[in-house]
Amino acid sequence: MSDLAKQNCMSDEFHYTFKCPKCGCPTFEEILINVTQSTTFARVNCDAEITEPDYQNTSTEGGEINRFQCQSCGFVLQNEHGDTINDTQALRQWLEKNGQKTADESSG
């Protein structure tokens, strides 16, 4: 891809911000099922009551999107038919109707 084509693609980049329709929280989360997660740690922190690994790096493999939901109140994103949104194409459609679209700040 030429530099000019890259610039044109970059200038078309944008993002959506989320605001929960129920509680107003600005963050949402992707809930996955059938996931394998591994975590590395070099030490375990202990006190009189708690034993907790000092987690360093976590990797996730596989999995399927079960739903997207508000991080605060758990409001589950649904399409206009009341179906739970569980793929990124449906997420984009939801955000096009309900999110705030802004130009990507790094697209200069």
N, C-alpha and C. Protein backbone atom coordinates (compact mmCIF):
# COMPACT_ATOMS: atom_id res chain seq x y z
N MET A 1 0.86 -1.18 0.00
CA MET A 1 0.00 0.00 0.00
C MET A 1 0.89 1.23 0.00
N SER A 2 0.60 2.17 -0.86
CA SER A 2 1.40 3.39 -0.94
C SER A 2 1.19 4.25 0.30
N ASP A 3 2.14 5.20 0.52
CA ASP A 3 2.01 6.10 1.66
C ASP A 3 0.74 6.93 1.59
N LEU A 4 0.38 7.36 0.37
CA LEU A 4 -0.84 8.14 0.19
C LEU A 4 -2.07 7.32 0.53
N ALA A 5 -2.08 6.06 0.09
CA ALA A 5 -3.22 5.18 0.40
C ALA A 5 -3.31 4.94 1.91
N LYS A 6 -2.15 4.75 2.55
CA LYS A 6 -2.14 4.57 4.01
C LYS A 6 -2.70 5.81 4.71
N GLN A 7 -2.29 6.99 4.25
CA GLN A 7 -2.79 8.24 4.85
C GLN A 7 -4.30 8.34 4.68
N ASN A 8 -4.80 8.01 3.49
CA ASN A 8 -6.24 8.07 3.26
C ASN A 8 -6.98 7.10 4.15
N CYS A 9 -6.44 5.87 4.31
CA CYS A 9 -7.07 4.90 5.20
C CYS A 9 -7.06 5.41 6.64
N MET A 10 -5.92 5.94 7.06
CA MET A 10 -5.80 6.41 8.44
C MET A 10 -6.74 7.59 8.69
N SER A 11 -6.93 8.45 7.69
CA SER A 11 -7.78 9.60 7.92
C SER A 11 -9.24 9.20 8.05
N ASP A 12 -9.58 7.99 7.58
CA ASP A 12 -10.95 7.50 7.69
C ASP A 12 -11.20 6.77 9.01
N GLU A 13 -10.16 6.60 9.82
CA GLU A 13 -10.31 5.87 11.07
C GLU A 13 -11.07 6.72 12.09
N PHE A 14 -11.87 6.04 12.86
CA PHE A 14 -12.65 6.69 13.91
C PHE A 14 -12.91 5.67 15.00
N HIS A 15 -13.48 6.12 16.08
CA HIS A 15 -13.87 5.19 17.14
C HIS A 15 -15.20 5.64 17.74
N TYR A 16 -15.80 4.72 18.46
CA TYR A 16 -17.03 5.00 19.16
C TYR A 16 -16.76 4.98 20.65
N THR A 17 -17.41 5.86 21.37
CA THR A 17 -17.39 5.78 22.82
C THR A 17 -18.75 5.24 23.27
N PHE A 18 -18.73 4.58 24.40
CA PHE A 18 -19.90 3.91 24.94
C PHE A 18 -20.43 4.70 26.14
N LYS A 19 -21.72 4.75 26.26
CA LYS A 19 -22.36 5.28 27.46
C LYS A 19 -23.55 4.38 27.73
N CYS A 20 -23.55 3.73 28.87
CA CYS A 20 -24.61 2.78 29.21
C CYS A 20 -25.96 3.50 29.26
N PRO A 21 -26.95 2.98 28.53
CA PRO A 21 -28.27 3.62 28.56
C PRO A 21 -28.98 3.49 29.91
N LYS A 22 -28.50 2.56 30.74
CA LYS A 22 -29.14 2.35 32.04
C LYS A 22 -28.51 3.19 33.14
N CYS A 23 -27.16 3.16 33.24
CA CYS A 23 -26.51 3.84 34.37
C CYS A 23 -25.55 4.96 33.96
N GLY A 24 -25.25 5.08 32.65
CA GLY A 24 -24.36 6.14 32.19
C GLY A 24 -22.88 5.81 32.25
N CYS A 25 -22.52 4.60 32.67
CA CYS A 25 -21.11 4.19 32.76
C CYS A 25 -20.46 4.26 31.37
N PRO A 26 -19.21 4.75 31.29
CA PRO A 26 -18.56 4.90 29.99
C PRO A 26 -17.78 3.67 29.51
N THR A 27 -17.85 2.56 30.25
CA THR A 27 -17.08 1.37 29.84
C THR A 27 -17.98 0.15 29.78
N PHE A 28 -17.66 -0.72 28.82
CA PHE A 28 -18.37 -1.98 28.71
C PHE A 28 -17.34 -3.09 28.57
N GLU A 29 -17.81 -4.32 28.71
CA GLU A 29 -16.90 -5.45 28.67
C GLU A 29 -17.43 -6.55 27.78
N GLU A 30 -16.50 -7.32 27.25
CA GLU A 30 -16.81 -8.47 26.42
C GLU A 30 -16.77 -9.70 27.33
N ILE A 31 -17.83 -10.47 27.34
CA ILE A 31 -17.88 -11.69 28.14
C ILE A 31 -17.69 -12.87 27.21
N LEU A 32 -16.65 -13.66 27.47
CA LEU A 32 -16.32 -14.82 26.65
C LEU A 32 -16.70 -16.11 27.35
N ILE A 33 -16.98 -17.15 26.55
CA ILE A 33 -17.19 -18.50 27.08
C ILE A 33 -16.22 -19.44 26.36
N ASN A 34 -16.00 -20.61 26.93
CA ASN A 34 -15.11 -21.63 26.36
C ASN A 34 -13.71 -21.07 26.11
N VAL A 35 -13.13 -20.46 27.15
CA VAL A 35 -11.84 -19.79 27.06
C VAL A 35 -10.80 -20.57 27.85
N THR A 36 -9.59 -20.60 27.31
CA THR A 36 -8.45 -21.11 28.06
C THR A 36 -7.60 -19.92 28.43
N GLN A 37 -7.35 -19.75 29.73
CA GLN A 37 -6.54 -18.63 30.20
C GLN A 37 -5.37 -19.18 30.99
N SER A 38 -4.21 -18.62 30.75
CA SER A 38 -3.04 -18.98 31.55
C SER A 38 -2.42 -17.70 32.09
N THR A 39 -1.87 -17.83 33.30
CA THR A 39 -1.27 -16.69 33.97
C THR A 39 0.09 -17.09 34.52
N THR A 40 1.08 -16.23 34.33
CA THR A 40 2.40 -16.50 34.89
C THR A 40 2.61 -15.67 36.14
N PHE A 41 3.31 -16.25 37.10
CA PHE A 41 3.69 -15.51 38.29
C PHE A 41 4.96 -16.12 38.85
N ALA A 42 5.76 -15.27 39.47
CA ALA A 42 7.05 -15.70 39.99
C ALA A 42 7.04 -15.82 41.51
N ARG A 43 6.02 -15.27 42.15
CA ARG A 43 5.97 -15.34 43.60
C ARG A 43 4.52 -15.33 44.06
N VAL A 44 4.34 -15.70 45.31
CA VAL A 44 3.01 -15.71 45.92
C VAL A 44 3.06 -14.82 47.15
N ASN A 45 2.16 -13.82 47.20
CA ASN A 45 2.10 -12.90 48.32
C ASN A 45 1.22 -13.51 49.41
N CYS A 46 1.69 -13.44 50.63
CA CYS A 46 0.95 -14.02 51.75
C CYS A 46 0.93 -13.06 52.93
N ASP A 47 -0.19 -13.07 53.65
CA ASP A 47 -0.24 -12.45 54.96
C ASP A 47 -0.98 -13.44 55.86
N ALA A 48 -1.43 -13.00 57.01
CA ALA A 48 -2.04 -13.91 57.98
C ALA A 48 -3.27 -14.62 57.43
N GLU A 49 -4.01 -13.95 56.51
CA GLU A 49 -5.26 -14.52 56.05
C GLU A 49 -5.33 -14.80 54.55
N ILE A 50 -4.50 -14.14 53.77
CA ILE A 50 -4.66 -14.21 52.31
C ILE A 50 -3.40 -14.76 51.65
N THR A 51 -3.59 -15.67 50.71
CA THR A 51 -2.53 -16.15 49.84
C THR A 51 -2.93 -15.79 48.43
N GLU A 52 -2.10 -14.97 47.76
CA GLU A 52 -2.46 -14.48 46.44
C GLU A 52 -1.24 -14.46 45.53
N PRO A 53 -1.32 -15.17 44.40
CA PRO A 53 -0.21 -15.10 43.44
C PRO A 53 -0.02 -13.67 42.95
N ASP A 54 1.23 -13.31 42.70
CA ASP A 54 1.57 -12.00 42.14
C ASP A 54 1.53 -12.13 40.62
N TYR A 55 0.34 -11.98 40.06
CA TYR A 55 0.13 -12.20 38.63
C TYR A 55 0.93 -11.21 37.80
N GLN A 56 1.61 -11.72 36.77
CA GLN A 56 2.43 -10.89 35.89
C GLN A 56 1.81 -10.75 34.51
N ASN A 57 1.64 -11.84 33.83
CA ASN A 57 1.12 -11.83 32.46
C ASN A 57 0.00 -12.84 32.33
N THR A 58 -1.04 -12.44 31.64
CA THR A 58 -2.16 -13.32 31.40
C THR A 58 -2.36 -13.45 29.90
N SER A 59 -2.55 -14.67 29.42
CA SER A 59 -2.86 -14.87 28.01
C SER A 59 -4.16 -15.64 27.91
N THR A 60 -4.92 -15.32 26.88
CA THR A 60 -6.21 -15.95 26.66
C THR A 60 -6.21 -16.56 25.28
N GLU A 61 -6.69 -17.79 25.19
CA GLU A 61 -6.77 -18.46 23.90
C GLU A 61 -8.17 -18.98 23.69
N GLY A 62 -8.62 -18.91 22.44
CA GLY A 62 -9.92 -19.46 22.09
C GLY A 62 -11.05 -18.63 22.66
N GLY A 63 -12.17 -19.25 22.76
CA GLY A 63 -13.32 -18.59 23.33
C GLY A 63 -14.26 -18.03 22.29
N GLU A 64 -15.47 -17.83 22.71
CA GLU A 64 -16.51 -17.25 21.88
C GLU A 64 -17.14 -16.10 22.66
N ILE A 65 -17.53 -15.07 21.94
CA ILE A 65 -18.20 -13.95 22.59
C ILE A 65 -19.60 -14.40 23.00
N ASN A 66 -19.89 -14.28 24.29
CA ASN A 66 -21.23 -14.59 24.79
C ASN A 66 -22.11 -13.36 24.76
N ARG A 67 -21.51 -12.20 25.14
CA ARG A 67 -22.27 -10.95 25.17
C ARG A 67 -21.33 -9.78 25.43
N PHE A 68 -21.85 -8.59 25.22
CA PHE A 68 -21.21 -7.35 25.63
C PHE A 68 -22.12 -6.73 26.69
N GLN A 69 -21.54 -6.20 27.76
CA GLN A 69 -22.36 -5.64 28.82
C GLN A 69 -21.65 -4.46 29.48
N CYS A 70 -22.46 -3.64 30.14
CA CYS A 70 -21.92 -2.52 30.91
C CYS A 70 -21.04 -3.07 32.02
N GLN A 71 -19.88 -2.50 32.18
CA GLN A 71 -18.96 -2.95 33.22
C GLN A 71 -19.50 -2.67 34.62
N SER A 72 -20.30 -1.64 34.76
CA SER A 72 -20.78 -1.24 36.08
C SER A 72 -22.06 -1.96 36.49
N CYS A 73 -23.11 -1.86 35.67
CA CYS A 73 -24.41 -2.38 36.08
C CYS A 73 -24.80 -3.70 35.43
N GLY A 74 -24.01 -4.15 34.43
CA GLY A 74 -24.31 -5.42 33.78
C GLY A 74 -25.37 -5.35 32.68
N PHE A 75 -25.79 -4.13 32.30
CA PHE A 75 -26.75 -3.97 31.21
C PHE A 75 -26.21 -4.69 29.97
N VAL A 76 -26.98 -5.63 29.42
CA VAL A 76 -26.56 -6.43 28.27
C VAL A 76 -27.02 -5.74 26.98
N LEU A 77 -26.07 -5.53 26.07
CA LEU A 77 -26.41 -4.90 24.80
C LEU A 77 -27.24 -5.85 23.95
N GLN A 78 -28.34 -5.31 23.42
CA GLN A 78 -29.25 -6.08 22.58
C GLN A 78 -29.56 -5.30 21.32
N ASN A 79 -29.88 -6.04 20.25
CA ASN A 79 -30.27 -5.37 19.01
C ASN A 79 -31.73 -4.96 19.07
N GLU A 80 -32.24 -4.38 17.98
CA GLU A 80 -33.61 -3.87 17.97
C GLU A 80 -34.66 -4.97 18.10
N HIS A 81 -34.25 -6.25 17.92
CA HIS A 81 -35.18 -7.37 18.06
C HIS A 81 -35.12 -7.98 19.46
N GLY A 82 -34.26 -7.43 20.31
CA GLY A 82 -34.11 -7.95 21.67
C GLY A 82 -33.13 -9.10 21.79
N ASP A 83 -32.37 -9.38 20.70
CA ASP A 83 -31.37 -10.44 20.74
C ASP A 83 -30.08 -9.91 21.35
N THR A 84 -29.46 -10.72 22.18
CA THR A 84 -28.18 -10.35 22.79
C THR A 84 -27.12 -10.20 21.71
N ILE A 85 -26.36 -9.13 21.77
CA ILE A 85 -25.28 -8.89 20.82
C ILE A 85 -24.09 -9.75 21.23
N ASN A 86 -23.66 -10.62 20.29
CA ASN A 86 -22.56 -11.52 20.61
C ASN A 86 -21.55 -11.66 19.46
N ASP A 87 -21.45 -10.63 18.63
CA ASP A 87 -20.40 -10.58 17.62
C ASP A 87 -20.05 -9.12 17.35
N THR A 88 -18.88 -8.92 16.76
CA THR A 88 -18.40 -7.54 16.59
C THR A 88 -19.16 -6.77 15.52
N GLN A 89 -19.71 -7.45 14.54
CA GLN A 89 -20.51 -6.75 13.53
C GLN A 89 -21.78 -6.19 14.16
N ALA A 90 -22.44 -6.98 14.97
CA ALA A 90 -23.65 -6.51 15.67
C ALA A 90 -23.29 -5.41 16.68
N LEU A 91 -22.10 -5.53 17.31
CA LEU A 91 -21.64 -4.49 18.23
C LEU A 91 -21.48 -3.17 17.49
N ARG A 92 -20.87 -3.22 16.31
CA ARG A 92 -20.69 -1.98 15.54
C ARG A 92 -22.04 -1.36 15.19
N GLN A 93 -23.01 -2.19 14.78
CA GLN A 93 -24.33 -1.68 14.44
C GLN A 93 -24.98 -1.02 15.66
N TRP A 94 -24.81 -1.63 16.84
CA TRP A 94 -25.37 -1.06 18.07
C TRP A 94 -24.71 0.29 18.35
N LEU A 95 -23.38 0.34 18.22
CA LEU A 95 -22.65 1.58 18.49
C LEU A 95 -22.99 2.67 17.48
N GLU A 96 -23.23 2.28 16.22
CA GLU A 96 -23.63 3.27 15.22
C GLU A 96 -24.93 3.96 15.61
N LYS A 97 -25.82 3.24 16.28
CA LYS A 97 -27.10 3.80 16.71
C LYS A 97 -27.03 4.45 18.09
N ASN A 98 -26.17 3.93 18.97
CA ASN A 98 -26.20 4.34 20.37
C ASN A 98 -24.92 4.97 20.88
N GLY A 99 -23.81 4.83 20.16
CA GLY A 99 -22.53 5.34 20.64
C GLY A 99 -22.26 6.74 20.12
N GLN A 100 -21.15 7.29 20.54
CA GLN A 100 -20.69 8.60 20.09
C GLN A 100 -19.51 8.38 19.18
N LYS A 101 -19.62 8.73 17.89
CA LYS A 101 -18.56 8.54 16.92
C LYS A 101 -17.63 9.75 16.93
N THR A 102 -16.33 9.49 17.02
CA THR A 102 -15.34 10.56 16.97
C THR A 102 -14.18 10.13 16.09
N ALA A 103 -13.51 11.10 15.49
CA ALA A 103 -12.34 10.81 14.65
C ALA A 103 -11.22 10.30 15.53
N ASP A 104 -10.43 9.41 14.97
CA ASP A 104 -9.29 8.87 15.68
C ASP A 104 -8.27 9.98 15.86
N GLU A 105 -7.88 10.26 17.09
CA GLU A 105 -6.96 11.36 17.38
C GLU A 105 -5.58 11.14 16.78
N SER A 106 -5.21 9.88 16.53
CA SER A 106 -3.87 9.61 16.00
C SER A 106 -3.84 9.64 14.48
N SER A 107 -4.97 9.95 13.84
CA SER A 107 -5.02 9.87 12.38
C SER A 107 -4.52 11.14 11.69
N GLY A 108 -4.08 12.14 12.44
CA GLY A 108 -3.44 13.33 11.95
C GLY A 108 -3.99 13.86 10.73
